[in-house]
All heavy atoms as atom14 arrays in JSON, in Angstrom:
{
  "sequence": "RGKSFSVDLLPKIKIEMVVDEKDVDTVTNAITDVAR",
  "atom14_mask": [
    [1, 1, 1, 1, 1, 1, 1, 1, 1, 1, 1, 0, 0, 0],
    [1, 1, 1, 1, 0, 0, 0, 0, 0, 0, 0, 0, 0, 0],
    [1, 1, 1, 1, 1, 1, 1, 1, 1, 0, 0, 0, 0, 0],
    [1, 1, 1, 1, 1, 1, 0, 0, 0, 0, 0, 0, 0, 0],
    [1, 1, 1, 1, 1, 1, 1, 1, 1, 1, 1, 0, 0, 0],
    [1, 1, 1, 1, 1, 1, 0, 0, 0, 0, 0, 0, 0, 0],
    [1, 1, 1, 1, 1, 1, 1, 0, 0, 0, 0, 0, 0, 0],
    [1, 1, 1, 1, 1, 1, 1, 1, 0, 0, 0, 0, 0, 0],
    [1, 1, 1, 1, 1, 1, 1, 1, 0, 0, 0, 0, 0, 0],
    [1, 1, 1, 1, 1, 1, 1, 1, 0, 0, 0, 0, 0, 0],
    [1, 1, 1, 1, 1, 1, 1, 0, 0, 0, 0, 0, 0, 0],
    [1, 1, 1, 1, 1, 1, 1, 1, 1, 0, 0, 0, 0, 0],
    [1, 1, 1, 1, 1, 1, 1, 1, 0, 0, 0, 0, 0, 0],
    [1, 1, 1, 1, 1, 1, 1, 1, 1, 0, 0, 0, 0, 0],
    [1, 1, 1, 1, 1, 1, 1, 1, 0, 0, 0, 0, 0, 0],
    [1, 1, 1, 1, 1, 1, 1, 1, 1, 0, 0, 0, 0, 0],
    [1, 1, 1, 1, 1, 1, 1, 1, 0, 0, 0, 0, 0, 0],
    [1, 1, 1, 1, 1, 1, 1, 0, 0, 0, 0, 0, 0, 0],
    [1, 1, 1, 1, 1, 1, 1, 0, 0, 0, 0, 0, 0, 0],
    [1, 1, 1, 1, 1, 1, 1, 1, 0, 0, 0, 0, 0, 0],
    [1, 1, 1, 1, 1, 1, 1, 1, 1, 0, 0, 0, 0, 0],
    [1, 1, 1, 1, 1, 1, 1, 1, 1, 0, 0, 0, 0, 0],
    [1, 1, 1, 1, 1, 1, 1, 1, 0, 0, 0, 0, 0, 0],
    [1, 1, 1, 1, 1, 1, 1, 0, 0, 0, 0, 0, 0, 0],
    [1, 1, 1, 1, 1, 1, 1, 1, 0, 0, 0, 0, 0, 0],
    [1, 1, 1, 1, 1, 1, 1, 0, 0, 0, 0, 0, 0, 0],
    [1, 1, 1, 1, 1, 1, 1, 0, 0, 0, 0, 0, 0, 0],
    [1, 1, 1, 1, 1, 1, 1, 0, 0, 0, 0, 0, 0, 0],
    [1, 1, 1, 1, 1, 1, 1, 1, 0, 0, 0, 0, 0, 0],
    [1, 1, 1, 1, 1, 0, 0, 0, 0, 0, 0, 0, 0, 0],
    [1, 1, 1, 1, 1, 1, 1, 1, 0, 0, 0, 0, 0, 0],
    [1, 1, 1, 1, 1, 1, 1, 0, 0, 0, 0, 0, 0, 0],
    [1, 1, 1, 1, 1, 1, 1, 1, 0, 0, 0, 0, 0, 0],
    [1, 1, 1, 1, 1, 1, 1, 0, 0, 0, 0, 0, 0, 0],
    [1, 1, 1, 1, 1, 0, 0, 0, 0, 0, 0, 0, 0, 0],
    [1, 1, 1, 1, 1, 1, 1, 1, 1, 1, 1, 0, 0, 0]
  ],
  "atom14_positions": [
    [[-92.49, -37.78, -6.87], [-93.4, -38.01, -5.75], [-94.09, -39.37, -5.86], [-95.29, -39.49, -5.66], [-94.42, -36.89, -5.64], [-93.81, -35.58, -5.27], [-94.84, -34.53, -4.99], [-94.19, -33.29, -4.58], [-94.84, -32.21, -4.25], [-96.16, -32.19, -4.28], [-94.18, -31.14, -3.9], [0.0, 0.0, 0.0], [0.0, 0.0, 0.0], [0.0, 0.0, 0.0]],
    [[-93.33, -40.36, -6.24], [-93.83, -41.72, -6.3], [-94.6, -42.07, -7.55], [-95.04, -43.21, -7.71], [0.0, 0.0, 0.0], [0.0, 0.0, 0.0], [0.0, 0.0, 0.0], [0.0, 0.0, 0.0], [0.0, 0.0, 0.0], [0.0, 0.0, 0.0], [0.0, 0.0, 0.0], [0.0, 0.0, 0.0], [0.0, 0.0, 0.0], [0.0, 0.0, 0.0]],
    [[-94.79, -41.13, -8.43], [-95.54, -41.41, -9.66], [-94.58, -41.36, -10.84], [-93.72, -40.51, -10.93], [-96.66, -40.39, -9.86], [-97.76, -40.51, -8.84], [-98.91, -39.63, -9.19], [-100.01, -39.84, -8.14], [-101.22, -39.11, -8.47], [0.0, 0.0, 0.0], [0.0, 0.0, 0.0], [0.0, 0.0, 0.0], [0.0, 0.0, 0.0], [0.0, 0.0, 0.0]],
    [[-94.77, -42.28, -11.76], [-93.95, -42.38, -12.95], [-94.59, -41.6, -14.09], [-95.8, -41.68, -14.3], [-93.8, -43.86, -13.33], [-93.06, -43.97, -14.51], [0.0, 0.0, 0.0], [0.0, 0.0, 0.0], [0.0, 0.0, 0.0], [0.0, 0.0, 0.0], [0.0, 0.0, 0.0], [0.0, 0.0, 0.0], [0.0, 0.0, 0.0], [0.0, 0.0, 0.0]],
    [[-93.77, -40.81, -14.79], [-94.29, -40.12, -15.97], [-93.2, -40.06, -17.03], [-92.02, -40.16, -16.74], [-94.82, -38.72, -15.62], [-93.77, -37.78, -15.1], [-93.15, -36.88, -15.94], [-93.42, -37.79, -13.76], [-92.19, -36.02, -15.46], [-92.45, -36.92, -13.27], [-91.84, -36.03, -14.13], [0.0, 0.0, 0.0], [0.0, 0.0, 0.0], [0.0, 0.0, 0.0]],
    [[-93.64, -39.9, -18.27], [-92.73, -39.92, -19.41], [-92.48, -38.51, -19.93], [-93.41, -37.72, -20.08], [-93.32, -40.78, -20.52], [-92.46, -40.79, -21.62], [0.0, 0.0, 0.0], [0.0, 0.0, 0.0], [0.0, 0.0, 0.0], [0.0, 0.0, 0.0], [0.0, 0.0, 0.0], [0.0, 0.0, 0.0], [0.0, 0.0, 0.0], [0.0, 0.0, 0.0]],
    [[-91.21, -38.2, -20.17], [-90.83, -36.93, -20.79], [-90.35, -37.3, -22.19], [-89.29, -37.9, -22.35], [-89.7, -36.23, -20.0], [-89.29, -34.94, -20.68], [-90.13, -35.98, -18.56], [0.0, 0.0, 0.0], [0.0, 0.0, 0.0], [0.0, 0.0, 0.0], [0.0, 0.0, 0.0], [0.0, 0.0, 0.0], [0.0, 0.0, 0.0], [0.0, 0.0, 0.0]],
    [[-91.16, -36.98, -23.2], [-90.81, -37.44, -24.54], [-90.1, -36.39, -25.4], [-89.57, -36.7, -26.46], [-92.03, -37.99, -25.28], [-93.13, -36.96, -25.44], [-93.03, -35.87, -24.86], [-94.1, -37.26, -26.17], [0.0, 0.0, 0.0], [0.0, 0.0, 0.0], [0.0, 0.0, 0.0], [0.0, 0.0, 0.0], [0.0, 0.0, 0.0], [0.0, 0.0, 0.0]],
    [[-90.06, -35.14, -24.96], [-89.32, -34.1, -25.68], [-88.22, -33.57, -24.77], [-88.48, -32.85, -23.82], [-90.25, -32.97, -26.13], [-91.33, -33.38, -27.13], [-92.25, -32.2, -27.42], [-90.71, -33.89, -28.42], [0.0, 0.0, 0.0], [0.0, 0.0, 0.0], [0.0, 0.0, 0.0], [0.0, 0.0, 0.0], [0.0, 0.0, 0.0], [0.0, 0.0, 0.0]],
    [[-87.0, -33.94, -25.09], [-85.86, -33.59, -24.25], [-85.22, -32.29, -24.74], [-85.18, -32.01, -25.93], [-84.82, -34.72, -24.29], [-85.34, -36.08, -23.82], [-84.28, -37.14, -24.04], [-85.73, -36.01, -22.36], [0.0, 0.0, 0.0], [0.0, 0.0, 0.0], [0.0, 0.0, 0.0], [0.0, 0.0, 0.0], [0.0, 0.0, 0.0], [0.0, 0.0, 0.0]],
    [[-84.69, -31.49, -23.8], [-84.03, -30.24, -24.21], [-82.72, -30.53, -24.94], [-81.92, -31.36, -24.5], [-83.79, -29.52, -22.89], [-83.81, -30.59, -21.85], [-84.7, -31.68, -22.36], [0.0, 0.0, 0.0], [0.0, 0.0, 0.0], [0.0, 0.0, 0.0], [0.0, 0.0, 0.0], [0.0, 0.0, 0.0], [0.0, 0.0, 0.0], [0.0, 0.0, 0.0]],
    [[-82.51, -29.87, -26.05], [-81.29, -29.99, -26.85], [-80.87, -28.6, -27.31], [-81.62, -27.64, -27.18], [-81.52, -30.88, -28.09], [-81.94, -32.3, -27.79], [-80.8, -33.11, -27.27], [-81.25, -34.54, -27.03], [-80.17, -35.35, -26.51], [0.0, 0.0, 0.0], [0.0, 0.0, 0.0], [0.0, 0.0, 0.0], [0.0, 0.0, 0.0], [0.0, 0.0, 0.0]],
    [[-79.7, -28.5, -27.88], [-79.19, -27.26, -28.46], [-78.97, -27.49, -29.94], [-78.4, -28.52, -30.34], [-77.87, -26.84, -27.79], [-78.06, -26.57, -26.3], [-77.25, -25.63, -28.51], [-78.91, -25.36, -25.98], [0.0, 0.0, 0.0], [0.0, 0.0, 0.0], [0.0, 0.0, 0.0], [0.0, 0.0, 0.0], [0.0, 0.0, 0.0], [0.0, 0.0, 0.0]],
    [[-79.39, -26.54, -30.76], [-79.17, -26.61, -32.21], [-78.18, -25.5, -32.58], [-78.42, -24.33, -32.28], [-80.48, -26.42, -32.96], [-80.35, -26.5, -34.46], [-81.73, -26.33, -35.1], [-81.67, -26.45, -36.59], [-83.01, -26.29, -37.18], [0.0, 0.0, 0.0], [0.0, 0.0, 0.0], [0.0, 0.0, 0.0], [0.0, 0.0, 0.0], [0.0, 0.0, 0.0]],
    [[-77.08, -25.9, -33.21], [-76.07, -24.96, -33.67], [-76.08, -24.98, -35.19], [-75.99, -26.06, -35.79], [-74.67, -25.35, -33.15], [-74.68, -25.45, -31.62], [-73.63, -24.33, -33.62], [-73.39, -26.02, -31.06], [0.0, 0.0, 0.0], [0.0, 0.0, 0.0], [0.0, 0.0, 0.0], [0.0, 0.0, 0.0], [0.0, 0.0, 0.0], [0.0, 0.0, 0.0]],
    [[-76.2, -23.81, -35.8], [-76.21, -23.7, -37.26], [-75.08, -22.79, -37.7], [-74.84, -21.75, -37.08], [-77.53, -23.11, -37.75], [-78.74, -23.93, -37.37], [-80.03, -23.23, -37.74], [-80.46, -23.36, -38.89], [-80.58, -22.54, -36.87], [0.0, 0.0, 0.0], [0.0, 0.0, 0.0], [0.0, 0.0, 0.0], [0.0, 0.0, 0.0], [0.0, 0.0, 0.0]],
    [[-74.38, -23.19, -38.76], [-73.32, -22.35, -39.33], [-73.16, -22.67, -40.8], [-73.53, -23.75, -41.25], [-72.01, -22.55, -38.59], [-71.4, -23.92, -38.76], [-70.55, -24.52, -37.32], [-71.91, -25.1, -36.33], [0.0, 0.0, 0.0], [0.0, 0.0, 0.0], [0.0, 0.0, 0.0], [0.0, 0.0, 0.0], [0.0, 0.0, 0.0], [0.0, 0.0, 0.0]],
    [[-72.63, -21.71, -41.55], [-72.34, -21.91, -42.97], [-70.82, -21.82, -43.13], [-70.19, -20.89, -42.63], [-73.05, -20.84, -43.83], [-72.67, -20.99, -45.29], [-74.56, -20.97, -43.67], [0.0, 0.0, 0.0], [0.0, 0.0, 0.0], [0.0, 0.0, 0.0], [0.0, 0.0, 0.0], [0.0, 0.0, 0.0], [0.0, 0.0, 0.0], [0.0, 0.0, 0.0]],
    [[-70.26, -22.83, -43.8], [-68.8, -22.9, -43.96], [-68.47, -23.26, -45.41], [-69.32, -23.72, -46.16], [-68.17, -23.95, -43.0], [-68.45, -23.61, -41.55], [-68.65, -25.35, -43.32], [0.0, 0.0, 0.0], [0.0, 0.0, 0.0], [0.0, 0.0, 0.0], [0.0, 0.0, 0.0], [0.0, 0.0, 0.0], [0.0, 0.0, 0.0], [0.0, 0.0, 0.0]],
    [[-67.22, -23.04, -45.79], [-66.73, -23.49, -47.1], [-66.77, -25.01, -47.16], [-66.59, -25.67, -46.12], [-65.3, -23.02, -47.34], [-65.21, -21.55, -47.66], [-66.13, -21.0, -48.31], [-64.19, -20.95, -47.28], [0.0, 0.0, 0.0], [0.0, 0.0, 0.0], [0.0, 0.0, 0.0], [0.0, 0.0, 0.0], [0.0, 0.0, 0.0], [0.0, 0.0, 0.0]],
    [[-66.94, -25.56, -48.34], [-66.97, -27.02, -48.49], [-65.71, -27.68, -47.96], [-65.76, -28.75, -47.38], [-67.17, -27.41, -49.96], [-68.62, -27.37, -50.36], [-68.86, -28.0, -51.71], [-68.47, -29.17, -51.91], [-69.47, -27.32, -52.56], [0.0, 0.0, 0.0], [0.0, 0.0, 0.0], [0.0, 0.0, 0.0], [0.0, 0.0, 0.0], [0.0, 0.0, 0.0]],
    [[-64.56, -27.03, -48.14], [-63.29, -27.61, -47.69], [-63.2, -27.72, -46.17], [-62.4, -28.49, -45.66], [-62.12, -26.81, -48.24], [-62.03, -25.39, -47.72], [-60.81, -24.67, -48.29], [-60.7, -23.24, -47.87], [-60.78, -22.98, -46.46], [0.0, 0.0, 0.0], [0.0, 0.0, 0.0], [0.0, 0.0, 0.0], [0.0, 0.0, 0.0], [0.0, 0.0, 0.0]],
    [[-64.04, -26.97, -45.44], [-63.99, -26.97, -43.97], [-65.0, -27.89, -43.31], [-65.02, -28.01, -42.08], [-64.19, -25.54, -43.46], [-63.1, -24.59, -43.91], [-61.95, -25.05, -44.06], [-63.39, -23.4, -44.12], [0.0, 0.0, 0.0], [0.0, 0.0, 0.0], [0.0, 0.0, 0.0], [0.0, 0.0, 0.0], [0.0, 0.0, 0.0], [0.0, 0.0, 0.0]],
    [[-65.84, -28.55, -44.09], [-66.92, -29.36, -43.52], [-66.38, -30.47, -42.61], [-66.85, -30.63, -41.48], [-67.83, -29.95, -44.63], [-68.79, -30.98, -44.06], [-68.6, -28.84, -45.31], [0.0, 0.0, 0.0], [0.0, 0.0, 0.0], [0.0, 0.0, 0.0], [0.0, 0.0, 0.0], [0.0, 0.0, 0.0], [0.0, 0.0, 0.0], [0.0, 0.0, 0.0]],
    [[-65.39, -31.23, -43.08], [-64.86, -32.32, -42.26], [-64.22, -31.8, -40.98], [-64.4, -32.39, -39.91], [-63.85, -33.15, -43.05], [-64.5, -34.03, -44.1], [-65.72, -34.3, -43.99], [-63.81, -34.45, -45.05], [0.0, 0.0, 0.0], [0.0, 0.0, 0.0], [0.0, 0.0, 0.0], [0.0, 0.0, 0.0], [0.0, 0.0, 0.0], [0.0, 0.0, 0.0]],
    [[-63.5, -30.7, -41.06], [-62.86, -30.12, -39.88], [-63.9, -29.71, -38.85], [-63.77, -30.0, -37.65], [-62.01, -28.89, -40.27], [-61.07, -29.29, -41.27], [-61.28, -28.31, -39.08], [0.0, 0.0, 0.0], [0.0, 0.0, 0.0], [0.0, 0.0, 0.0], [0.0, 0.0, 0.0], [0.0, 0.0, 0.0], [0.0, 0.0, 0.0], [0.0, 0.0, 0.0]],
    [[-64.95, -29.04, -39.3], [-66.0, -28.57, -38.39], [-66.79, -29.73, -37.8], [-67.01, -29.79, -36.58], [-66.95, -27.58, -39.12], [-68.15, -27.24, -38.25], [-66.19, -26.32, -39.51], [0.0, 0.0, 0.0], [0.0, 0.0, 0.0], [0.0, 0.0, 0.0], [0.0, 0.0, 0.0], [0.0, 0.0, 0.0], [0.0, 0.0, 0.0], [0.0, 0.0, 0.0]],
    [[-67.2, -30.69, -38.63], [-67.99, -31.81, -38.1], [-67.15, -32.67, -37.16], [-67.67, -33.16, -36.15], [-68.59, -32.66, -39.24], [-67.54, -33.1, -40.11], [-69.63, -31.88, -40.02], [0.0, 0.0, 0.0], [0.0, 0.0, 0.0], [0.0, 0.0, 0.0], [0.0, 0.0, 0.0], [0.0, 0.0, 0.0], [0.0, 0.0, 0.0], [0.0, 0.0, 0.0]],
    [[-65.86, -32.85, -37.45], [-65.0, -33.61, -36.54], [-64.83, -32.88, -35.21], [-64.81, -33.52, -34.15], [-63.63, -33.87, -37.17], [-63.71, -34.89, -38.29], [-64.63, -35.69, -38.36], [-62.74, -34.85, -39.19], [0.0, 0.0, 0.0], [0.0, 0.0, 0.0], [0.0, 0.0, 0.0], [0.0, 0.0, 0.0], [0.0, 0.0, 0.0], [0.0, 0.0, 0.0]],
    [[-64.71, -31.56, -35.25], [-64.56, -30.79, -34.01], [-65.8, -30.93, -33.14], [-65.7, -31.12, -31.92], [-64.31, -29.32, -34.34], [0.0, 0.0, 0.0], [0.0, 0.0, 0.0], [0.0, 0.0, 0.0], [0.0, 0.0, 0.0], [0.0, 0.0, 0.0], [0.0, 0.0, 0.0], [0.0, 0.0, 0.0], [0.0, 0.0, 0.0], [0.0, 0.0, 0.0]],
    [[-66.97, -30.87, -33.75], [-68.22, -31.02, -32.99], [-68.32, -32.42, -32.42], [-68.61, -32.61, -31.24], [-69.44, -30.7, -33.88], [-69.43, -29.24, -34.3], [-70.74, -31.04, -33.15], [-70.42, -28.9, -35.4], [0.0, 0.0, 0.0], [0.0, 0.0, 0.0], [0.0, 0.0, 0.0], [0.0, 0.0, 0.0], [0.0, 0.0, 0.0], [0.0, 0.0, 0.0]],
    [[-68.09, -33.42, -33.27], [-68.21, -34.81, -32.85], [-67.25, -35.16, -31.71], [-67.63, -35.8, -30.73], [-67.96, -35.76, -34.04], [-68.87, -35.43, -35.08], [-68.15, -37.2, -33.65], [0.0, 0.0, 0.0], [0.0, 0.0, 0.0], [0.0, 0.0, 0.0], [0.0, 0.0, 0.0], [0.0, 0.0, 0.0], [0.0, 0.0, 0.0], [0.0, 0.0, 0.0]],
    [[-66.0, -34.72, -31.84], [-64.99, -35.05, -30.82], [-65.38, -34.51, -29.44], [-65.16, -35.17, -28.43], [-63.63, -34.48, -31.21], [-63.02, -35.2, -32.41], [-63.51, -36.3, -32.76], [-62.07, -34.65, -33.0], [0.0, 0.0, 0.0], [0.0, 0.0, 0.0], [0.0, 0.0, 0.0], [0.0, 0.0, 0.0], [0.0, 0.0, 0.0], [0.0, 0.0, 0.0]],
    [[-65.97, -33.32, -29.4], [-66.28, -32.69, -28.12], [-67.66, -33.12, -27.59], [-67.84, -33.27, -26.38], [-66.21, -31.16, -28.26], [-66.63, -30.47, -26.99], [-64.8, -30.74, -28.64], [0.0, 0.0, 0.0], [0.0, 0.0, 0.0], [0.0, 0.0, 0.0], [0.0, 0.0, 0.0], [0.0, 0.0, 0.0], [0.0, 0.0, 0.0], [0.0, 0.0, 0.0]],
    [[-68.63, -33.31, -28.48], [-70.01, -33.58, -28.05], [-70.28, -35.05, -27.75], [-71.28, -35.37, -27.11], [-70.98, -33.09, -29.11], [0.0, 0.0, 0.0], [0.0, 0.0, 0.0], [0.0, 0.0, 0.0], [0.0, 0.0, 0.0], [0.0, 0.0, 0.0], [0.0, 0.0, 0.0], [0.0, 0.0, 0.0], [0.0, 0.0, 0.0], [0.0, 0.0, 0.0]],
    [[-69.41, -35.95, -28.17], [-69.66, -37.39, -28.0], [-69.48, -37.82, -26.55], [-68.47, -37.57, -25.92], [-68.72, -38.2, -28.88], [-68.93, -39.71, -28.72], [-67.94, -40.52, -29.52], [-68.21, -40.36, -30.95], [-67.27, -40.1, -31.84], [-66.02, -39.97, -31.48], [-67.59, -39.98, -33.11], [0.0, 0.0, 0.0], [0.0, 0.0, 0.0], [0.0, 0.0, 0.0]]
  ]
}
């Protein structure tokens, strides 16, 4: 309505999971490839 205001906290999603050490690169690459 013609007035400028700042939104300093943006909505995001936090995904948490526990995986084997051998799967870390696979999981992080999958997230990065799709979310970028």
